[in-house]
């Protein structure tokens, strides 16, 4: 199972779009995801303040700003082949 982390912040419409995509494709791939609000951690806020949303898959940065359904599934499939 893949671990997906979405670094986001409140009021971010791009973040909402990414989270909606993750919810929509949940049944199509083997992953769990969680959201981390960067504004709750000064280090994350400093690191990602201009980049949200930032999506990590299995600890590796995979997307920022935008993530389309097909791209996400393709990256997950590629990671499964190399793991």
C-alpha atoms as a PDB file:
ATOM      1  CA  UNK A   1       0.000   0.000   0.000  1.00  0.00           C
ATOM      2  CA  UNK A   2       1.314   3.429  -0.950  1.00  0.00           C
ATOM      3  CA  UNK A   3       1.483   6.294   1.516  1.00  0.00           C
ATOM      4  CA  UNK A   4       0.293   9.640   0.102  1.00  0.00           C
ATOM      5  CA  UNK A   5       0.718  12.899   2.013  1.00  0.00           C
ATOM      6  CA  UNK A   6      -0.852  16.172   0.899  1.00  0.00           C
ATOM      7  CA  UNK A   7       0.728  19.294   2.365  1.00  0.00           C
ATOM      8  CA  UNK A   8      -1.933  21.986   2.223  1.00  0.00           C
ATOM      9  CA  UNK A   9      -3.470  24.958   3.988  1.00  0.00           C
ATOM     10  CA  UNK A  10      -6.939  26.254   4.670  1.00  0.00           C
ATOM     11  CA  UNK A  11      -8.514  28.364   1.945  1.00  0.00           C
ATOM     12  CA  UNK A  12      -6.428  26.806  -0.835  1.00  0.00           C
ATOM     13  CA  UNK A  13      -8.659  25.930  -3.802  1.00  0.00           C
ATOM     14  CA  UNK A  14      -5.908  23.910  -5.482  1.00  0.00           C
ATOM     15  CA  UNK A  15      -5.578  21.859  -2.283  1.00  0.00           C
ATOM     16  CA  UNK A  16      -9.302  21.140  -2.319  1.00  0.00           C
ATOM     17  CA  UNK A  17      -9.078  19.968  -5.928  1.00  0.00           C
ATOM     18  CA  UNK A  18      -6.232  17.555  -5.131  1.00  0.00           C
ATOM     19  CA  UNK A  19      -8.062  16.144  -2.107  1.00  0.00           C
ATOM     20  CA  UNK A  20     -11.201  15.626  -4.189  1.00  0.00           C
ATOM     21  CA  UNK A  21      -9.189  13.746  -6.807  1.00  0.00           C
ATOM     22  CA  UNK A  22      -7.706  11.498  -4.103  1.00  0.00           C
ATOM     23  CA  UNK A  23     -11.179  10.728  -2.781  1.00  0.00           C
ATOM     24  CA  UNK A  24     -12.497   9.947  -6.265  1.00  0.00           C
ATOM     25  CA  UNK A  25      -9.783   7.436  -7.188  1.00  0.00           C
ATOM     26  CA  UNK A  26      -9.441   5.774  -3.766  1.00  0.00           C
ATOM     27  CA  UNK A  27     -11.147   2.606  -5.014  1.00  0.00           C
ATOM     28  CA  UNK A  28      -8.899   2.352  -8.093  1.00  0.00           C
ATOM     29  CA  UNK A  29      -5.506   1.978  -6.419  1.00  0.00           C
ATOM     30  CA  UNK A  30      -3.871   0.693  -3.256  1.00  0.00           C
ATOM     31  CA  UNK A  31      -3.014   3.794  -1.213  1.00  0.00           C
ATOM     32  CA  UNK A  32      -3.844   5.607   1.962  1.00  0.00           C
ATOM     33  CA  UNK A  33      -3.634   9.358   2.187  1.00  0.00           C
ATOM     34  CA  UNK A  34      -3.552  12.052   4.780  1.00  0.00           C
ATOM     35  CA  UNK A  35      -3.496  15.803   4.811  1.00  0.00           C
ATOM     36  CA  UNK A  36      -0.983  17.924   6.709  1.00  0.00           C
ATOM     37  CA  UNK A  37      -1.825  21.603   7.261  1.00  0.00           C
ATOM     38  CA  UNK A  38       1.471  23.434   6.811  1.00  0.00           C
ATOM     39  CA  UNK A  39       0.264  26.365   8.907  1.00  0.00           C
ATOM     40  CA  UNK A  40       0.379  24.127  11.986  1.00  0.00           C
ATOM     41  CA  UNK A  41       4.149  23.682  11.707  1.00  0.00           C
ATOM     42  CA  UNK A  42       6.539  26.656  11.270  1.00  0.00           C
ATOM     43  CA  UNK A  43       9.129  24.514   9.453  1.00  0.00           C
ATOM     44  CA  UNK A  44       6.590  23.184   6.934  1.00  0.00           C
ATOM     45  CA  UNK A  45       5.147  26.658   6.495  1.00  0.00           C
ATOM     46  CA  UNK A  46       8.604  28.041   5.705  1.00  0.00           C
ATOM     47  CA  UNK A  47       9.375  25.170   3.349  1.00  0.00           C
ATOM     48  CA  UNK A  48       6.094  24.978   1.397  1.00  0.00           C
ATOM     49  CA  UNK A  49       4.350  28.320   1.849  1.00  0.00           C
ATOM     50  CA  UNK A  50       4.367  29.126  -1.892  1.00  0.00           C
ATOM     51  CA  UNK A  51       4.055  25.559  -3.193  1.00  0.00           C
ATOM     52  CA  UNK A  52       0.838  24.112  -1.768  1.00  0.00           C
ATOM     53  CA  UNK A  53      -0.507  21.701  -2.436  1.00  0.00           C
ATOM     54  CA  UNK A  54       2.547  19.463  -2.414  1.00  0.00           C
ATOM     55  CA  UNK A  55       1.907  15.743  -2.804  1.00  0.00           C
ATOM     56  CA  UNK A  56       4.378  13.116  -1.630  1.00  0.00           C
ATOM     57  CA  UNK A  57       4.039   9.459  -2.545  1.00  0.00           C
ATOM     58  CA  UNK A  58       5.991   7.005  -0.404  1.00  0.00           C
ATOM     59  CA  UNK A  59       8.142   9.827   0.944  1.00  0.00           C
ATOM     60  CA  UNK A  60       9.041  11.283  -2.463  1.00  0.00           C
ATOM     61  CA  UNK A  61       7.732  14.551  -3.870  1.00  0.00           C
ATOM     62  CA  UNK A  62       5.466  13.677  -6.788  1.00  0.00           C
ATOM     63  CA  UNK A  63       3.320  16.745  -7.539  1.00  0.00           C
ATOM     64  CA  UNK A  64       2.834  20.350  -6.588  1.00  0.00           C
ATOM     65  CA  UNK A  65       0.015  22.783  -7.398  1.00  0.00           C
ATOM     66  CA  UNK A  66      -1.931  20.379  -9.648  1.00  0.00           C
ATOM     67  CA  UNK A  67      -2.537  16.661  -9.844  1.00  0.00           C
ATOM     68  CA  UNK A  68      -4.741  15.024 -12.432  1.00  0.00           C
ATOM     69  CA  UNK A  69      -6.348  11.657 -11.834  1.00  0.00           C
ATOM     70  CA  UNK A  70      -4.567   9.865 -14.688  1.00  0.00           C
ATOM     71  CA  UNK A  71      -1.179  11.289 -13.733  1.00  0.00           C
ATOM     72  CA  UNK A  72      -1.606  10.186 -10.129  1.00  0.00           C
ATOM     73  CA  UNK A  73      -2.608   6.645 -11.068  1.00  0.00           C
ATOM     74  CA  UNK A  74       0.284   6.407 -13.535  1.00  0.00           C
ATOM     75  CA  UNK A  75       2.794   7.503 -10.881  1.00  0.00           C
ATOM     76  CA  UNK A  76       1.369   4.997  -8.405  1.00  0.00           C
ATOM     77  CA  UNK A  77       1.609   2.216 -10.987  1.00  0.00           C
ATOM     78  CA  UNK A  78       5.208   3.171 -11.740  1.00  0.00           C
ATOM     79  CA  UNK A  79       6.131   3.139  -8.074  1.00  0.00           C
ATOM     80  CA  UNK A  80       4.559  -0.304  -7.670  1.00  0.00           C
ATOM     81  CA  UNK A  81       6.751  -1.649 -10.487  1.00  0.00           C
ATOM     82  CA  UNK A  82       9.953  -0.292  -8.946  1.00  0.00           C
ATOM     83  CA  UNK A  83       9.227  -1.214  -5.314  1.00  0.00           C
END
